[in-house]
Amino acid sequence: MPAVNPPKRLDQLRVVVTRPAHQAEPLCRMIEQAGGTAIRLPVIEIAPPFDIQSAHEKLSRLKDFSITIFTSTNAVDGLFKLAPASFSWPQKIQVAAIGKRTTSALRARSISVDIVPEQGFNSESLLKHPAMSAVSGKKIMIFKGEGGRKLLAQTLNQRGATVVEVDLYRRKRPNEGLRNIQQAGKSGSIDLFIVTSNEGLRNLLEMATETEQEWLLRAELVVISERTAQFAKTLGFSQQPLVADEASDEGLLNSVEQWYADRFRRGIQRGE
């Protein structure tokens, strides 16, 4: 029997990337460079916050705070979109970022990052950092989007900090539906969906018609947290999602490659 050569890293794999349009390209290019096909399907749009005046008022008091926390790259972008042209970052404030992409976005704006989780890259991991333990009496400003989890603010308040949250953007569901993947999904030619938040997963389902939801709920998912994996079960997805080891584009790509290699091995074992 002739030897079966392993496939290219992602040869012919079709992956739907659901990140917002302005954030999807780096991951899409990585998938394509590995031999796969990246299908763009933004399930979240980023818009200015409803209460811009409140954000401006809070930002005017930034110099009075000792620690700031950026929860996402959208928070970094939102800050500089809302800040006045004369705005400059106060150098004495400690800066915390919740993950690698957020850290990179801040450094690209010449803002040094002092506090980053060692692993995990989520609120829980940031709260485990030693700098987030000794916060009693400190004033902390959290840059975030409207809604979302309250874990950071609640925990830091419990630890004795004075916390102010600043909503710098809001997320909304696109109205386009699933038209650009509709036929591919029905024919079964989509292999994986990459979904990076609970809200994105909910939007994906809500953007689908009832008929589309039938095949969508059978889809294979790659997600970035156990929370989203559990949420997928709650929504009715039948396949166990694969959770990326790291909440980054590199971590997502590694998980997709792992999934593809495992599928190839299973096919060999079945004699396909």
Protein backbone atom coordinates (compact mmCIF):
# COMPACT_ATOMS: atom_id res chain seq x y z
CA MET A 1 0.00 0.00 0.00
CA PRO A 2 1.54 3.38 -0.97
CA ALA A 3 2.40 5.77 1.84
CA VAL A 4 -0.11 8.53 2.47
CA ASN A 5 1.54 11.91 2.61
CA PRO A 6 0.28 14.28 5.30
CA PRO A 7 -1.58 17.31 3.97
CA LYS A 8 -0.24 20.82 3.89
CA ARG A 9 -0.92 22.59 7.15
CA LEU A 10 -4.47 23.60 6.18
CA ASP A 11 -4.79 22.33 2.62
CA GLN A 12 -8.34 23.01 1.31
CA LEU A 13 -9.73 23.69 4.79
CA ARG A 14 -12.58 26.23 4.73
CA VAL A 15 -12.74 28.34 7.90
CA VAL A 16 -15.31 31.02 8.72
CA VAL A 17 -13.75 33.88 10.70
CA THR A 18 -16.37 35.83 12.66
CA ARG A 19 -14.20 38.64 14.07
CA PRO A 20 -15.30 42.25 13.38
CA ALA A 21 -14.20 43.28 9.89
CA HIS A 22 -11.42 45.63 11.05
CA GLN A 23 -9.87 42.90 13.22
CA ALA A 24 -10.26 39.81 11.05
CA GLU A 25 -7.56 40.29 8.41
CA PRO A 26 -4.44 39.19 10.35
CA LEU A 27 -6.04 35.84 11.26
CA CYS A 28 -7.52 35.42 7.77
CA ARG A 29 -4.09 35.96 6.20
CA MET A 30 -2.51 33.44 8.56
CA ILE A 31 -5.10 30.83 7.56
CA GLU A 32 -4.57 31.53 3.87
CA GLN A 33 -0.78 31.43 4.18
CA ALA A 34 -1.16 27.99 5.77
CA GLY A 35 -3.09 26.76 2.72
CA GLY A 36 -6.65 27.18 3.98
CA THR A 37 -9.55 29.31 2.79
CA ALA A 38 -10.70 32.06 5.16
CA ILE A 39 -14.32 33.14 4.78
CA ARG A 40 -15.06 36.56 6.30
CA LEU A 41 -18.31 36.75 8.27
CA PRO A 42 -18.30 39.59 10.83
CA VAL A 43 -20.88 38.87 13.52
CA ILE A 44 -20.14 42.02 15.55
CA GLU A 45 -19.86 45.64 14.43
CA ILE A 46 -18.09 48.26 16.54
CA ALA A 47 -19.80 51.65 16.98
CA PRO A 48 -19.30 54.70 19.25
CA PRO A 49 -20.85 54.49 22.72
CA PHE A 50 -24.33 55.90 23.20
CA ASP A 51 -23.19 58.28 25.96
CA ILE A 52 -20.18 60.05 24.47
CA GLN A 53 -20.51 62.98 26.88
CA SER A 54 -20.09 60.67 29.88
CA ALA A 55 -16.96 59.14 28.33
CA HIS A 56 -15.49 62.62 27.75
CA GLU A 57 -16.21 63.67 31.34
CA LYS A 58 -14.51 60.59 32.77
CA LEU A 59 -11.52 60.91 30.44
CA SER A 60 -11.02 64.49 31.66
CA ARG A 61 -10.22 63.01 35.12
CA LEU A 62 -7.73 60.43 33.83
CA LYS A 63 -4.68 62.10 35.41
CA ASP A 64 -6.20 61.52 38.88
CA PHE A 65 -5.96 57.72 38.52
CA SER A 66 -3.02 55.48 39.34
CA ILE A 67 -3.93 52.41 37.23
CA THR A 68 -5.79 52.00 33.94
CA ILE A 69 -7.00 48.73 32.46
CA PHE A 70 -7.64 48.20 28.74
CA THR A 71 -9.93 45.24 28.16
CA SER A 72 -9.58 44.99 24.37
CA THR A 73 -8.04 46.47 21.24
CA ASN A 74 -11.40 48.13 20.60
CA ALA A 75 -10.96 50.00 23.88
CA VAL A 76 -7.58 51.27 22.67
CA ASP A 77 -9.06 52.40 19.36
CA GLY A 78 -12.10 53.88 21.10
CA LEU A 79 -9.96 55.97 23.44
CA PHE A 80 -8.13 57.71 20.62
CA LYS A 81 -11.30 58.19 18.57
CA LEU A 82 -13.06 59.96 21.45
CA ALA A 83 -10.13 61.82 23.00
CA PRO A 84 -9.54 65.44 21.90
CA ALA A 85 -6.80 66.21 19.41
CA SER A 86 -4.65 67.66 22.20
CA PHE A 87 -4.81 64.44 24.25
CA SER A 88 -1.55 62.92 25.46
CA TRP A 89 -1.16 59.89 27.71
CA PRO A 90 -0.22 60.69 31.34
CA GLN A 91 3.15 59.04 31.87
CA LYS A 92 2.83 58.27 35.60
CA ILE A 93 -0.21 55.99 35.26
CA GLN A 94 0.33 52.23 35.37
CA VAL A 95 -1.21 50.48 32.37
CA ALA A 96 -2.72 46.99 32.38
CA ALA A 97 -3.77 45.12 29.24
CA ILE A 98 -5.86 41.99 29.20
CA GLY A 99 -3.97 40.24 26.39
CA LYS A 100 -1.25 40.27 23.76
CA ARG A 101 -3.25 41.97 21.01
CA THR A 102 -4.30 44.75 23.37
CA THR A 103 -0.70 45.13 24.52
CA SER A 104 0.49 45.44 20.91
CA ALA A 105 -2.21 48.01 20.14
CA LEU A 106 -1.10 50.15 23.11
CA ARG A 107 2.58 49.93 22.24
CA ALA A 108 1.73 50.98 18.69
CA ARG A 109 0.35 54.16 20.30
CA SER A 110 3.60 54.60 22.29
CA ILE A 111 1.92 53.62 25.56
CA SER A 112 4.05 51.36 27.76
CA VAL A 113 2.26 48.39 29.31
CA ASP A 114 3.16 47.49 32.88
CA ILE A 115 0.74 44.69 33.73
CA VAL A 116 -0.20 41.73 31.51
CA PRO A 117 -1.52 38.31 32.59
CA GLU A 118 1.14 35.61 32.43
CA GLN A 119 -1.35 33.29 30.74
CA GLY A 120 -5.07 33.00 30.03
CA PHE A 121 -5.53 36.57 28.82
CA ASN A 122 -8.93 37.16 30.42
CA SER A 123 -10.33 38.98 33.45
CA GLU A 124 -9.65 36.07 35.78
CA SER A 125 -6.01 35.88 34.71
CA LEU A 126 -5.48 39.63 35.06
CA LEU A 127 -6.93 39.57 38.57
CA LYS A 128 -4.34 36.94 39.55
CA HIS A 129 -1.49 39.30 38.68
CA PRO A 130 0.29 40.51 41.85
CA ALA A 131 -0.26 44.16 40.87
CA MET A 132 -4.01 43.58 40.95
CA SER A 133 -3.94 42.30 44.53
CA ALA A 134 -2.43 45.32 46.30
CA VAL A 135 -4.96 47.90 45.09
CA SER A 136 -6.57 49.06 48.33
CA GLY A 137 -6.97 52.84 48.25
CA LYS A 138 -5.99 53.12 44.58
CA LYS A 139 -8.08 54.70 41.83
CA ILE A 140 -8.48 52.46 38.78
CA MET A 141 -10.04 53.38 35.43
CA ILE A 142 -11.27 50.52 33.22
CA PHE A 143 -11.59 51.18 29.48
CA LYS A 144 -14.20 48.87 27.98
CA GLY A 145 -17.22 48.48 25.73
CA GLU A 146 -20.84 48.90 26.78
CA GLY A 147 -22.25 45.91 28.62
CA GLY A 148 -19.97 42.96 29.12
CA ARG A 149 -18.75 41.30 32.28
CA LYS A 150 -18.51 43.16 35.60
CA LEU A 151 -15.97 40.80 37.17
CA LEU A 152 -13.01 43.21 36.99
CA ALA A 153 -14.81 46.18 38.53
CA GLN A 154 -16.58 44.15 41.20
CA THR A 155 -13.46 42.28 42.31
CA LEU A 156 -11.24 45.37 42.40
CA ASN A 157 -13.90 47.23 44.40
CA GLN A 158 -13.96 44.33 46.85
CA ARG A 159 -10.18 44.63 47.16
CA GLY A 160 -10.52 48.25 48.25
CA ALA A 161 -9.96 50.13 45.00
CA THR A 162 -12.08 52.98 43.67
CA VAL A 163 -13.10 51.89 40.18
CA VAL A 164 -14.49 53.97 37.31
CA GLU A 165 -15.57 52.22 34.10
CA VAL A 166 -15.43 54.13 30.83
CA ASP A 167 -17.49 52.83 27.90
CA LEU A 168 -15.53 53.73 24.77
CA TYR A 169 -17.46 51.72 22.21
CA ARG A 170 -20.47 49.47 21.77
CA ARG A 171 -21.00 46.24 19.90
CA LYS A 172 -23.97 45.65 17.62
CA ARG A 173 -25.18 42.80 15.46
CA PRO A 174 -24.80 43.21 11.68
CA ASN A 175 -27.94 43.04 9.54
CA GLU A 176 -26.49 41.17 6.56
CA GLY A 177 -27.38 37.67 7.70
CA LEU A 178 -25.44 34.68 6.40
CA ARG A 179 -25.74 35.38 2.69
CA ASN A 180 -22.03 35.09 1.93
CA ILE A 181 -21.80 31.61 3.47
CA GLN A 182 -25.36 30.41 2.94
CA GLN A 183 -24.81 27.98 0.07
CA ALA A 184 -21.46 26.80 1.39
CA GLY A 185 -23.01 25.98 4.73
CA LYS A 186 -25.96 24.11 3.26
CA SER A 187 -23.68 22.03 1.07
CA GLY A 188 -21.49 21.10 4.02
CA SER A 189 -18.37 22.63 2.50
CA ILE A 190 -17.55 24.73 5.57
CA ASP A 191 -15.23 22.92 7.96
CA LEU A 192 -14.90 25.24 10.95
CA PHE A 193 -16.23 28.44 12.50
CA ILE A 194 -13.92 30.58 14.65
CA VAL A 195 -15.92 32.49 17.26
CA THR A 196 -14.20 34.64 19.88
CA SER A 197 -16.99 35.67 22.29
CA ASN A 198 -20.35 34.62 23.70
CA GLU A 199 -21.95 37.66 22.11
CA GLY A 200 -20.50 36.74 18.73
CA LEU A 201 -21.83 33.20 19.02
CA ARG A 202 -25.30 34.46 19.91
CA ASN A 203 -25.21 36.93 17.01
CA LEU A 204 -24.16 34.18 14.60
CA LEU A 205 -27.28 32.19 15.45
CA GLU A 206 -29.56 35.23 15.41
CA MET A 207 -28.27 36.26 11.98
CA ALA A 208 -29.34 32.86 10.58
CA THR A 209 -32.78 31.89 9.39
CA GLU A 210 -34.50 28.94 11.02
CA THR A 211 -33.39 26.65 8.19
CA GLU A 212 -29.81 27.92 8.39
CA GLN A 213 -29.75 27.35 12.12
CA GLU A 214 -30.36 23.63 11.56
CA TRP A 215 -27.02 23.14 9.81
CA LEU A 216 -25.27 25.84 11.82
CA LEU A 217 -25.94 24.02 15.10
CA ARG A 218 -24.12 20.98 13.68
CA ALA A 219 -21.03 23.05 12.83
CA GLU A 220 -17.58 22.55 14.35
CA LEU A 221 -16.36 25.51 16.43
CA VAL A 222 -13.02 26.84 17.61
CA VAL A 223 -13.42 29.28 20.53
CA ILE A 224 -11.06 31.10 22.90
CA SER A 225 -12.54 30.26 26.30
CA GLU A 226 -14.28 27.52 28.24
CA ARG A 227 -17.05 30.04 28.91
CA THR A 228 -17.85 30.23 25.19
CA ALA A 229 -17.57 26.45 24.83
CA GLN A 230 -20.16 26.03 27.58
CA PHE A 231 -22.34 28.73 26.06
CA ALA A 232 -22.29 26.86 22.74
CA LYS A 233 -23.82 23.85 24.50
CA THR A 234 -26.48 26.09 26.03
CA LEU A 235 -27.39 27.40 22.57
CA GLY A 236 -27.74 23.87 21.21
CA PHE A 237 -24.52 23.29 19.23
CA SER A 238 -24.10 19.53 18.97
CA GLN A 239 -20.31 19.35 18.50
CA GLN A 240 -17.90 19.91 21.40
CA PRO A 241 -16.03 23.15 20.59
CA LEU A 242 -12.24 23.13 20.52
CA VAL A 243 -10.87 25.72 22.96
CA ALA A 244 -7.70 27.50 21.85
CA ASP A 245 -4.76 27.23 24.23
CA GLU A 246 -4.22 30.97 23.95
CA ALA A 247 -6.60 33.84 23.20
CA SER A 248 -4.60 35.16 20.25
CA ASP A 249 -4.52 34.78 16.48
CA GLU A 250 -1.56 32.44 16.87
CA GLY A 251 -3.42 30.37 19.45
CA LEU A 252 -6.47 30.13 17.21
CA LEU A 253 -4.37 29.11 14.20
CA ASN A 254 -2.58 26.45 16.23
CA SER A 255 -5.95 25.03 17.30
CA VAL A 256 -7.23 24.96 13.73
CA GLU A 257 -4.07 23.15 12.63
CA GLN A 258 -4.46 20.69 15.49
CA TRP A 259 -8.08 20.02 14.53
CA TYR A 260 -7.12 19.51 10.88
CA ALA A 261 -4.23 17.15 11.69
CA ASP A 262 -6.50 15.10 13.99
CA ARG A 263 -9.15 14.86 11.26
CA PHE A 264 -6.51 13.71 8.78
CA ARG A 265 -5.33 11.00 11.17
CA ARG A 266 -8.90 9.84 11.80
CA GLY A 267 -9.45 9.59 8.06
CA ILE A 268 -6.36 7.43 7.67
CA GLN A 269 -7.50 5.13 10.46
CA ARG A 270 -10.86 4.67 8.70
CA GLY A 271 -9.13 4.01 5.40
CA GLU A 272 -10.56 7.09 3.68
